Amino acid sequence: MKTGNIDFFNGLLSVMENVLCGRLGYISPMRAWLRKFPAEDISRAYDLLDLVGLSDFAQARADELSGGQRQRVGIARAVMQQPDILLADEPTSSLDPKTSVEIMELLNEVANRNNIPVLVNIHDVSLGRRFADRVVGMSKGLVVFDGDPADLANDHLKEIYGGEDWLK
């Protein structure tokens, strides 16, 4: 859910169009260009917008949303693809602490409701400990911790991130 060049384009679309972009690989380019999505895709998109709390924003332009709302659109768009696994790269970067917790709670809820495992790359240790079922910490390309978040000790964090000044 990183932002990039594609998000600039998607910002010009409505929230609904953004979510429906998750189905672009499943319909013909002509149908996509004409915005003629199957009724079941449109229905699912509305259901996902309801799930992520944005049903009232379906026709709003995506670039008018807050950062947390944009992350919610990204989650809905990703789930719209009906993936076997959801990959979330720093889903809380640039978000305030309250919104970060809300996004992590939403990822958990979406994963549970849709039976989709979620693999999250996150550097916020407290969020990782709070929401992960399993933490894998790496340093210099090697796994230095693999286990329960409760077992992730400061010694592991020193090895993963280097030094200890940041722990204070």
Protein backbone atom coordinates (compact mmCIF):
# COMPACT_ATOMS: atom_id res chain seq x y z
CA MET A 1 0.00 0.00 0.00
CA LYS A 2 2.89 2.26 -0.69
CA THR A 3 2.19 5.47 -2.46
CA GLY A 4 3.79 5.99 -5.84
CA ASN A 5 3.17 7.25 -9.34
CA ILE A 6 0.05 5.16 -9.79
CA ASP A 7 -1.56 6.79 -6.75
CA PHE A 8 -1.40 10.18 -8.47
CA PHE A 9 -3.51 8.77 -11.29
CA ASN A 10 -5.80 6.93 -8.89
CA GLY A 11 -6.27 10.15 -6.92
CA LEU A 12 -8.16 11.53 -9.91
CA LEU A 13 -10.63 8.67 -9.72
CA SER A 14 -13.54 8.29 -7.35
CA VAL A 15 -13.20 6.05 -4.34
CA MET A 16 -15.46 3.48 -6.04
CA GLU A 17 -13.37 3.57 -9.23
CA ASN A 18 -10.25 3.08 -7.13
CA VAL A 19 -11.68 -0.03 -5.49
CA LEU A 20 -12.87 -1.37 -8.84
CA CYS A 21 -9.30 -1.00 -10.13
CA GLY A 22 -8.68 -4.17 -8.15
CA ARG A 23 -10.65 -6.01 -10.85
CA LEU A 24 -8.84 -4.56 -13.89
CA GLY A 25 -7.01 -7.80 -14.58
CA TYR A 26 -10.29 -9.69 -14.69
CA ILE A 27 -12.21 -7.69 -17.32
CA SER A 28 -11.40 -6.60 -20.85
CA PRO A 29 -9.57 -3.31 -21.35
CA MET A 30 -12.55 -1.94 -23.28
CA ARG A 31 -14.98 -2.70 -20.44
CA ALA A 32 -12.55 -1.09 -18.00
CA TRP A 33 -12.16 2.00 -20.15
CA LEU A 34 -15.94 2.30 -20.44
CA ARG A 35 -16.23 1.60 -16.70
CA LYS A 36 -18.57 -1.34 -17.39
CA PHE A 37 -17.77 -3.56 -14.45
CA PRO A 38 -19.87 -6.66 -13.78
CA ALA A 39 -22.71 -6.11 -11.30
CA GLU A 40 -21.15 -8.60 -8.85
CA ASP A 41 -17.90 -6.58 -8.83
CA ILE A 42 -19.80 -3.37 -8.12
CA SER A 43 -21.77 -5.06 -5.34
CA ARG A 44 -18.58 -6.46 -3.81
CA ALA A 45 -16.92 -3.03 -4.03
CA TYR A 46 -19.80 -1.47 -2.10
CA ASP A 47 -19.55 -4.25 0.50
CA LEU A 48 -15.82 -3.62 0.89
CA LEU A 49 -16.34 0.13 1.17
CA ASP A 50 -18.84 -0.55 3.91
CA LEU A 51 -16.35 -2.88 5.63
CA VAL A 52 -13.58 -0.25 5.58
CA GLY A 53 -15.97 2.51 6.68
CA LEU A 54 -16.05 4.51 3.47
CA SER A 55 -19.45 3.76 1.96
CA ASP A 56 -20.42 7.43 2.29
CA PHE A 57 -17.37 8.40 0.20
CA ALA A 58 -17.96 6.07 -2.78
CA GLN A 59 -18.38 8.95 -5.26
CA ALA A 60 -15.80 11.30 -3.69
CA ARG A 61 -12.46 11.81 -5.42
CA ALA A 62 -9.78 9.77 -3.75
CA ASP A 63 -7.38 12.72 -3.61
CA GLU A 64 -9.83 14.51 -1.29
CA LEU A 65 -9.45 11.86 1.41
CA SER A 66 -7.21 11.87 4.47
CA GLY A 67 -4.18 9.60 4.64
CA GLY A 68 -6.01 7.05 6.77
CA GLN A 69 -8.97 7.06 4.42
CA ARG A 70 -6.64 6.52 1.47
CA GLN A 71 -5.12 3.53 3.24
CA ARG A 72 -8.64 2.15 3.70
CA VAL A 73 -9.27 2.54 -0.04
CA GLY A 74 -6.01 0.72 -0.73
CA ILE A 75 -7.04 -2.15 1.53
CA ALA A 76 -10.42 -2.43 -0.19
CA ARG A 77 -8.76 -2.32 -3.63
CA ALA A 78 -6.32 -5.06 -2.63
CA VAL A 79 -9.06 -7.30 -1.22
CA MET A 80 -11.13 -6.66 -4.35
CA GLN A 81 -8.54 -8.75 -6.21
CA GLN A 82 -9.50 -11.75 -4.07
CA PRO A 83 -5.87 -12.51 -3.22
CA ASP A 84 -4.58 -15.67 -1.57
CA ILE A 85 -2.43 -13.48 0.69
CA LEU A 86 -2.42 -9.75 1.41
CA LEU A 87 0.98 -8.04 1.48
CA ALA A 88 1.09 -4.74 3.36
CA ASP A 89 4.32 -2.74 3.15
CA GLU A 90 4.43 -0.17 5.96
CA PRO A 91 0.64 0.30 6.01
CA THR A 92 0.86 2.84 8.83
CA SER A 93 3.70 5.03 7.58
CA SER A 94 2.86 8.73 7.66
CA LEU A 95 -0.22 8.11 9.82
CA ASP A 96 -0.86 9.45 13.31
CA PRO A 97 -0.81 6.88 16.16
CA LYS A 98 -4.61 6.61 16.48
CA THR A 99 -5.12 6.08 12.76
CA SER A 100 -2.23 3.60 12.69
CA VAL A 101 -4.01 1.43 15.26
CA GLU A 102 -7.27 1.74 13.33
CA ILE A 103 -5.57 0.60 10.11
CA MET A 104 -3.96 -2.38 11.83
CA GLU A 105 -7.31 -3.32 13.40
CA LEU A 106 -8.91 -3.03 9.97
CA LEU A 107 -6.28 -5.28 8.40
CA ASN A 108 -7.02 -7.87 11.09
CA GLU A 109 -10.76 -7.60 10.53
CA VAL A 110 -10.45 -7.82 6.74
CA ALA A 111 -8.14 -10.80 7.04
CA ASN A 112 -10.47 -12.63 9.40
CA ARG A 113 -13.67 -11.88 7.46
CA ASN A 114 -12.16 -12.88 4.13
CA ASN A 115 -9.92 -15.68 5.43
CA ILE A 116 -6.84 -14.04 3.93
CA PRO A 117 -3.46 -14.22 5.67
CA VAL A 118 -1.71 -10.84 5.92
CA LEU A 119 2.04 -10.38 5.74
CA VAL A 120 2.99 -6.96 7.08
CA ASN A 121 6.36 -5.26 6.78
CA ILE A 122 6.40 -2.73 9.61
CA HIS A 123 9.08 -0.96 11.59
CA ASP A 124 6.80 0.23 14.38
CA VAL A 125 7.76 -2.32 17.02
CA SER A 126 4.85 -1.55 19.33
CA LEU A 127 2.30 -2.08 16.52
CA GLY A 128 4.07 -5.27 15.48
CA ARG A 129 3.95 -6.61 19.02
CA ARG A 130 0.32 -5.62 19.43
CA PHE A 131 -1.11 -7.00 16.19
CA ALA A 132 1.17 -9.75 14.90
CA ASP A 133 0.67 -13.45 15.53
CA ARG A 134 4.28 -14.02 14.55
CA VAL A 135 7.27 -11.68 14.15
CA VAL A 136 10.23 -12.32 11.88
CA GLY A 137 13.12 -9.91 12.47
CA MET A 138 16.03 -9.71 10.06
CA SER A 139 19.43 -8.09 10.04
CA LYS A 140 21.93 -8.12 7.18
CA GLY A 141 19.77 -10.60 5.27
CA LEU A 142 19.62 -13.12 8.11
CA VAL A 143 16.70 -14.06 10.35
CA VAL A 144 17.64 -13.12 13.92
CA PHE A 145 14.20 -13.61 15.47
CA ASP A 146 11.24 -15.74 14.47
CA GLY A 147 8.53 -16.23 17.02
CA ASP A 148 5.80 -14.92 19.25
CA PRO A 149 5.71 -11.12 19.55
CA ALA A 150 5.75 -11.43 23.35
CA ASP A 151 9.16 -13.12 23.10
CA LEU A 152 10.71 -10.26 21.09
CA ALA A 153 13.22 -8.82 23.57
CA ASN A 154 15.32 -5.67 23.50
CA ASP A 155 18.39 -7.78 22.73
CA HIS A 156 16.70 -8.98 19.55
CA LEU A 157 15.76 -5.40 18.65
CA LYS A 158 19.36 -4.23 19.17
CA GLU A 159 20.52 -6.91 16.77
CA ILE A 160 17.79 -6.15 14.22
CA TYR A 161 18.10 -2.36 14.22
CA GLY A 162 21.62 -1.90 15.57
CA GLY A 163 22.60 0.00 18.66
CA GLU A 164 20.41 0.79 21.58
CA ASP A 165 20.11 4.57 21.78
CA TRP A 166 16.74 4.39 20.03
CA LEU A 167 15.39 2.08 22.76
CA LYS A 168 15.46 4.82 25.41
